[in-house]
Protein backbone atom coordinates (compact mmCIF):
# COMPACT_ATOMS: atom_id res chain seq x y z
CA MET A 1 0.05 -0.02 0.05
CA THR A 2 1.18 3.47 -0.82
CA ILE A 3 1.32 6.15 1.63
CA SER A 4 0.59 9.37 -0.32
CA ASN A 5 0.91 12.97 0.71
CA GLN A 6 -2.16 14.52 -0.88
CA ALA A 7 -3.89 17.74 -0.18
CA SER A 8 -5.46 16.26 2.96
CA GLY A 9 -2.13 15.15 4.33
CA ILE A 10 -0.54 11.81 4.83
CA ARG A 11 -3.17 9.02 4.47
CA PRO A 12 -1.96 5.63 5.71
CA GLY A 13 -4.42 2.91 5.38
CA VAL A 14 -6.43 4.49 2.40
CA CYS A 15 -6.99 2.32 -0.69
CA THR A 16 -9.45 0.70 -2.87
CA SER A 17 -10.94 -2.85 -2.82
CA THR A 18 -8.44 -3.76 -5.51
CA THR A 19 -5.27 -2.12 -4.10
CA ARG A 20 -5.48 -3.52 -0.51
CA PRO A 21 -1.81 -4.49 0.79
CA ALA A 22 -0.61 -7.66 -0.76
CA THR A 23 1.03 -8.77 2.40
CA PRO A 24 -0.98 -7.15 5.29
CA TYR A 25 -0.15 -7.77 8.99
CA GLU A 26 -2.60 -9.01 11.56
CA GLY A 27 -4.74 -6.19 12.84
CA GLN A 28 -3.93 -3.93 9.88
CA MET A 29 -6.89 -1.77 9.10
CA VAL A 30 -7.77 -0.03 5.77
CA TYR A 31 -10.54 2.28 4.49
CA GLU A 32 -11.66 1.52 1.01
CA THR A 33 -12.63 4.55 -0.98
CA ASP A 34 -14.59 2.82 -3.59
CA THR A 35 -16.79 0.66 -1.15
CA ASP A 36 -16.88 3.17 1.82
CA LEU A 37 -15.95 0.19 4.08
CA LEU A 38 -13.49 -0.17 6.98
CA LYS A 39 -11.52 -3.53 6.63
CA ILE A 40 -9.28 -5.37 9.07
CA TRP A 41 -6.87 -8.19 8.39
CA ASN A 42 -7.45 -10.95 11.03
CA GLY A 43 -4.40 -13.02 9.93
CA SER A 44 -6.20 -14.95 7.28
CA VAL A 45 -8.86 -12.76 5.47
CA TRP A 46 -10.08 -9.27 5.18
CA ARG A 47 -13.05 -8.70 7.71
CA THR A 48 -15.52 -5.88 7.24
CA LEU A 49 -15.88 -3.82 10.29
CA ALA A 50 -18.55 -1.33 9.13
CA PHE A 51 -19.62 1.12 6.55
CA ALA A 52 -17.61 4.27 7.17
CA THR A 53 -20.70 6.37 6.60
CA PRO A 54 -23.82 4.27 7.88
CA THR A 55 -26.28 3.53 5.11
CA ASN A 56 -29.91 3.59 5.28
CA GLY A 57 -31.16 0.68 7.37
CA THR A 58 -27.93 0.09 9.16
CA ILE A 59 -28.40 -0.78 12.92
CA LEU A 60 -26.20 1.73 14.84
CA GLN A 61 -26.86 0.47 18.32
CA THR A 62 -29.18 -1.69 20.34
CA ILE A 63 -30.49 -1.31 23.86
CA SER A 64 -32.50 -3.92 25.90
CA ALA A 65 -34.40 -3.85 29.22
CA THR A 66 -36.08 -6.47 31.15
CA THR A 67 -38.41 -6.47 34.25
CA ALA A 68 -40.20 -9.42 35.95
CA THR A 69 -41.62 -7.21 38.94
CA GLN A 70 -45.43 -7.63 39.15
CA VAL A 71 -47.44 -4.48 38.98
CA ILE A 72 -51.16 -4.25 39.75
CA ASN A 73 -53.39 -1.26 38.78
CA ASN A 74 -57.05 -1.08 40.01
CA THR A 75 -57.82 2.32 38.42
CA SER A 76 -58.69 3.80 35.01
CA THR A 77 -55.65 6.01 35.28
CA PHE A 78 -52.51 4.85 33.35
CA ALA A 79 -49.76 3.65 35.53
CA ASP A 80 -46.10 2.59 34.65
CA THR A 81 -45.66 -1.14 34.09
CA GLY A 82 -42.08 -0.84 35.13
CA LEU A 83 -40.81 -1.73 31.46
CA THR A 84 -38.62 1.18 30.43
CA ALA A 85 -35.51 1.73 28.19
CA THR A 86 -33.29 4.81 27.20
CA ILE A 87 -31.42 5.41 24.00
CA THR A 88 -29.27 8.21 22.76
CA PRO A 89 -29.28 8.40 18.97
CA THR A 90 -26.24 9.26 17.19
CA SER A 91 -28.08 11.30 14.54
CA ALA A 92 -31.25 13.39 14.57
CA SER A 93 -32.28 11.53 11.36
CA SER A 94 -32.12 8.18 12.82
CA LYS A 95 -35.25 6.13 13.38
CA VAL A 96 -35.69 4.07 16.56
CA LEU A 97 -37.32 0.68 16.19
CA VAL A 98 -39.15 -0.24 19.53
CA LEU A 99 -39.90 -3.85 20.23
CA VAL A 100 -42.17 -4.52 23.07
CA SER A 101 -43.11 -7.98 24.68
CA GLN A 102 -45.43 -7.23 27.67
CA ASN A 103 -45.98 -10.45 29.39
CA GLY A 104 -47.93 -11.72 32.40
CA CYS A 105 -51.05 -9.60 31.41
CA ASN A 106 -53.93 -10.46 33.40
CA LYS A 107 -57.60 -9.02 34.17
CA ARG A 108 -58.81 -9.88 37.63
CA ALA A 109 -62.33 -10.50 38.69
CA GLY A 110 -64.40 -7.40 39.69
CA ASN A 111 -66.53 -6.15 37.01
CA SER A 112 -68.11 -7.44 33.65
CA THR A 113 -66.88 -4.46 31.49
CA SER A 114 -63.38 -4.67 32.83
CA HIS A 115 -60.58 -4.84 30.10
CA PHE A 116 -56.80 -4.09 29.72
CA HIS A 117 -55.41 -0.91 28.08
CA LEU A 118 -51.66 -0.70 27.26
CA GLN A 119 -49.73 2.16 25.69
CA LEU A 120 -46.17 3.06 24.51
CA LEU A 121 -44.85 6.37 25.58
CA ARG A 122 -41.73 8.42 24.36
CA GLY A 123 -40.88 10.52 27.33
CA ALA A 124 -44.39 11.75 28.54
CA THR A 125 -45.95 11.46 25.09
CA SER A 126 -48.17 8.45 24.20
CA ILE A 127 -46.98 7.40 20.75
CA GLN A 128 -48.93 4.10 20.24
CA ILE A 129 -51.88 2.23 21.71
CA LEU A 130 -50.69 -1.43 22.14
CA ASP A 131 -54.02 -2.77 23.21
CA SER A 132 -57.32 -1.21 24.26
CA GLY A 133 -59.52 -4.29 24.94
CA GLY A 134 -57.21 -6.89 26.35
CA GLY A 135 -58.91 -9.57 28.55
CA TYR A 136 -62.50 -8.50 27.80
CA THR A 137 -64.96 -11.36 28.37
CA GLY A 138 -68.12 -9.41 29.28
CA THR A 139 -68.01 -11.33 32.68
CA SER A 140 -66.48 -10.59 36.04
CA SER A 141 -64.30 -13.47 35.98
CA ASP A 142 -60.39 -13.55 35.81
CA LEU A 143 -58.75 -13.73 32.54
CA PHE A 144 -54.97 -14.46 32.23
CA PHE A 145 -54.24 -13.58 28.62
CA GLY A 146 -50.51 -13.62 28.61
CA SER A 147 -48.56 -11.40 26.17
CA ILE A 148 -49.00 -8.22 24.16
CA CYS A 149 -46.22 -7.54 21.67
CA SER A 150 -45.63 -4.73 19.41
CA VAL A 151 -43.07 -3.27 16.77
CA TYR A 152 -43.19 0.45 16.42
CA LEU A 153 -40.67 2.55 14.12
CA ASP A 154 -40.34 6.00 15.70
CA SER A 155 -38.71 9.15 14.35
CA PRO A 156 -37.66 11.10 17.42
CA GLY A 157 -35.57 13.65 15.49
CA THR A 158 -33.05 14.30 18.31
CA THR A 159 -29.60 13.29 19.65
CA SER A 160 -30.74 13.67 23.26
CA ALA A 161 -31.36 10.76 25.55
CA ILE A 162 -34.95 9.25 24.83
CA THR A 163 -36.85 7.19 27.30
CA TYR A 164 -39.43 4.82 26.13
CA LYS A 165 -41.74 2.96 28.52
CA THR A 166 -45.23 1.17 28.64
CA GLN A 167 -48.17 2.22 30.80
CA PHE A 168 -51.37 0.20 31.57
CA ARG A 169 -54.98 0.70 33.10
CA ASN A 170 -58.23 -0.73 33.41
CA ASN A 171 -61.18 0.81 31.74
CA PHE A 172 -63.23 0.27 34.92
CA ASN A 173 -62.10 2.12 38.14
CA GLY A 174 -61.90 -0.34 41.07
CA ALA A 175 -61.24 -3.61 39.20
CA SER A 176 -57.59 -4.75 38.92
CA VAL A 177 -55.25 -5.56 35.96
CA GLU A 178 -51.73 -6.82 36.25
CA VAL A 179 -48.54 -7.11 34.22
CA GLN A 180 -45.56 -9.32 35.01
CA ALA A 181 -47.94 -11.54 37.02
CA ASN A 182 -46.25 -14.61 38.51
CA SER A 183 -42.77 -13.01 37.82
CA SER A 184 -43.40 -13.24 34.06
CA SER A 185 -40.50 -11.34 32.26
CA SER A 186 -41.41 -8.37 29.90
CA THR A 187 -38.86 -7.07 27.59
CA MET A 188 -38.19 -3.94 25.35
CA THR A 189 -35.55 -3.61 22.70
CA LEU A 190 -34.60 -0.23 21.14
CA MET A 191 -32.65 -0.19 17.88
CA GLU A 192 -31.19 2.91 16.44
CA ILE A 193 -31.65 2.72 12.55
CA ALA A 194 -29.68 4.91 10.19
CA ALA A 195 -31.92 6.82 7.89
């Protein structure tokens, strides 16, 4: 590989996909100007590290959170489920893919019109209703209905830290609904996607 002194200065490790070093050393890294890829020699083959400039659809980071703490709400006011995760996007143009698996969902006996509501929030703003009739039976009996899962692609437009969380309630004040019943584990995964 040639080290050249161009207008931008000395540029070691800059080449094209056809002019990589013929006898690289283990750990040697190059930037290919024609493919926009960073490559590293592992002693046997060139491995791709990443696009130097993330392309549309590239996953830039992943955050995951889990809770198994049971939460009960016997009001018609939304309450936190305990499932929450925070991500700090690297670019304001990035999207955030939010994957939710809210488990251990249960409607307890108490009223024939009881049913479960679940929403997803970015900060204090509700951005998606995940369920608005969970567990409805038209009777006052218990109903353990298990899981509510959702995929939501958000466009937060910021590089500041963003907290996502879920909240739940019963439509009937005085009867209870639960999440993470019997220590069921709920999960939230956040993926920053280059756009």
